[in-house]
Amino acid sequence: MFINNLEQCQWIRQKFETPSIMDLNVEKKKTLLARLTRSHKFEEFLAKKWSSEKRFGLEGCEVLIPSMKEVIDNSSVLGIDSIVMGMPHRGRLNVLANVCRKPLEQIFAQFNSLEPADEVCYKFMLL
């Protein structure tokens, strides 16, 4: 996005490009790494187990999961009681498993059903 106003550009730089804004303690770094690793391993597992299925994988955007979890965690601290999510197909299985905590058995059962693949993959949005 191009911003023509120099004052607005400087404000954005000050708020978002400050090096110390993301100073995290060791515990927070470990939590973020665990979330990132979990989302990456989940994608690897799906790719190996169901390599021929349409999965709408999260490849290249694995940071989405720790980011969403961080937004949700901070929202609850600030008093938000509910969150409504809308998203494209890409990464939805990972979001269901690692953000919404849908049981993996339910996700995998949909892959093992006898329905045609095109019908199965669109049912994953249901919680």
Protein backbone atom coordinates (compact mmCIF):
# COMPACT_ATOMS: atom_id res chain seq x y z
CA MET A 1 0.00 0.00 0.00
CA PHE A 2 1.32 3.43 -0.91
CA ILE A 3 0.82 6.27 1.56
CA ASN A 4 1.33 9.74 0.15
CA ASN A 5 1.33 11.55 3.50
CA LEU A 6 4.82 11.79 5.06
CA GLU A 7 3.42 12.33 8.55
CA GLN A 8 1.36 9.12 8.31
CA CYS A 9 4.38 7.19 7.04
CA GLN A 10 6.48 8.38 9.97
CA TRP A 11 3.74 7.44 12.43
CA ILE A 12 3.55 3.92 10.97
CA ARG A 13 7.33 3.55 11.13
CA GLN A 14 7.37 4.73 14.73
CA LYS A 15 4.61 2.32 15.79
CA PHE A 16 5.49 -0.77 13.77
CA GLU A 17 9.15 -0.59 12.87
CA THR A 18 10.59 -0.04 16.33
CA PRO A 19 13.20 -2.78 16.91
CA SER A 20 12.34 -3.27 20.59
CA ILE A 21 8.59 -3.56 20.02
CA MET A 22 8.88 -7.34 19.77
CA ASP A 23 11.20 -7.94 22.72
CA LEU A 24 10.00 -11.30 23.98
CA ASN A 25 11.07 -13.20 27.05
CA VAL A 26 12.42 -16.74 26.73
CA GLU A 27 9.11 -18.34 27.73
CA LYS A 28 7.17 -16.43 25.05
CA LYS A 29 9.76 -17.36 22.42
CA LYS A 30 9.45 -21.04 23.38
CA THR A 31 5.67 -20.85 23.13
CA LEU A 32 5.82 -19.26 19.67
CA LEU A 33 8.39 -21.80 18.50
CA ALA A 34 6.24 -24.68 19.77
CA ARG A 35 3.20 -23.32 17.93
CA LEU A 36 5.18 -22.82 14.73
CA THR A 37 6.68 -26.30 14.96
CA ARG A 38 3.28 -27.87 15.62
CA SER A 39 1.73 -26.18 12.57
CA HIS A 40 4.69 -27.15 10.36
CA LYS A 41 4.66 -30.79 11.51
CA PHE A 42 0.89 -30.97 11.00
CA GLU A 43 1.36 -29.84 7.39
CA GLU A 44 4.16 -32.36 6.86
CA PHE A 45 2.00 -35.16 8.24
CA LEU A 46 -0.96 -34.32 6.02
CA ALA A 47 1.28 -34.06 2.96
CA LYS A 48 2.76 -37.51 3.60
CA LYS A 49 -0.39 -39.30 4.71
CA TRP A 50 -2.78 -37.86 2.11
CA SER A 51 -0.45 -36.69 -0.64
CA SER A 52 -3.07 -37.04 -3.39
CA GLU A 53 -5.89 -35.27 -1.54
CA LYS A 54 -6.77 -31.62 -1.90
CA ARG A 55 -5.73 -30.25 1.50
CA PHE A 56 -5.43 -26.49 1.01
CA GLY A 57 -2.11 -26.60 2.87
CA LEU A 58 -0.47 -23.77 4.73
CA GLU A 59 2.94 -24.12 3.03
CA GLY A 60 4.75 -20.82 3.07
CA CYS A 61 2.44 -19.25 5.62
CA GLU A 62 3.04 -21.36 8.74
CA VAL A 63 3.46 -18.21 10.83
CA LEU A 64 -0.32 -17.73 10.52
CA ILE A 65 -0.97 -20.21 13.35
CA PRO A 66 1.21 -18.62 16.05
CA SER A 67 0.00 -15.20 14.92
CA MET A 68 -3.67 -16.14 15.24
CA LYS A 69 -3.06 -17.78 18.62
CA GLU A 70 -1.28 -14.64 19.82
CA VAL A 71 -4.15 -12.41 18.68
CA ILE A 72 -6.66 -14.69 20.43
CA ASP A 73 -4.58 -14.85 23.63
CA ASN A 74 -4.22 -11.06 23.75
CA SER A 75 -7.90 -10.58 22.95
CA SER A 76 -8.96 -12.72 25.88
CA VAL A 77 -6.65 -10.76 28.19
CA LEU A 78 -8.35 -7.57 26.98
CA GLY A 79 -11.81 -8.95 27.76
CA ILE A 80 -12.99 -10.18 24.36
CA ASP A 81 -15.39 -13.11 24.91
CA SER A 82 -15.88 -14.35 21.34
CA ILE A 83 -14.13 -14.25 18.00
CA VAL A 84 -15.65 -14.86 14.58
CA MET A 85 -13.19 -16.03 11.94
CA GLY A 86 -13.51 -15.97 8.21
CA MET A 87 -10.74 -17.29 6.02
CA PRO A 88 -9.85 -18.67 2.61
CA HIS A 89 -9.34 -22.38 2.03
CA ARG A 90 -5.57 -22.18 2.42
CA GLY A 91 -4.56 -23.37 5.88
CA ARG A 92 -8.00 -24.09 7.24
CA LEU A 93 -7.16 -27.62 8.43
CA ASN A 94 -4.22 -26.25 10.36
CA VAL A 95 -6.40 -23.51 11.84
CA LEU A 96 -9.05 -26.04 12.85
CA ALA A 97 -6.46 -28.33 14.45
CA ASN A 98 -4.08 -25.84 16.05
CA VAL A 99 -6.18 -22.75 16.72
CA CYS A 100 -9.73 -24.05 17.18
CA ARG A 101 -8.46 -27.34 18.66
CA LYS A 102 -10.84 -29.50 16.64
CA PRO A 103 -9.97 -33.10 17.55
CA LEU A 104 -7.54 -34.59 15.04
CA GLU A 105 -9.60 -37.79 14.93
CA GLN A 106 -12.51 -35.81 13.47
CA ILE A 107 -10.31 -34.12 10.87
CA PHE A 108 -8.67 -37.39 9.81
CA ALA A 109 -12.02 -39.21 9.73
CA GLN A 110 -13.19 -36.84 7.02
CA PHE A 111 -10.20 -37.84 4.87
CA ASN A 112 -11.06 -41.51 5.38
CA SER A 113 -14.74 -41.18 4.45
CA LEU A 114 -16.12 -42.75 1.29
CA GLU A 115 -17.30 -39.44 -0.16
CA PRO A 116 -15.64 -38.07 -3.31
CA ALA A 117 -12.58 -35.92 -2.53
CA ASP A 118 -14.14 -32.72 -3.90
CA GLU A 119 -17.02 -32.98 -1.44
CA VAL A 120 -14.93 -33.95 1.57
CA CYS A 121 -12.50 -31.02 1.57
CA TYR A 122 -15.24 -28.40 1.73
CA LYS A 123 -16.73 -29.86 4.92
CA PHE A 124 -13.66 -29.11 7.01
CA MET A 125 -14.92 -25.65 7.90
CA LEU A 126 -17.63 -27.08 10.11
CA LEU A 127 -16.65 -27.19 13.75
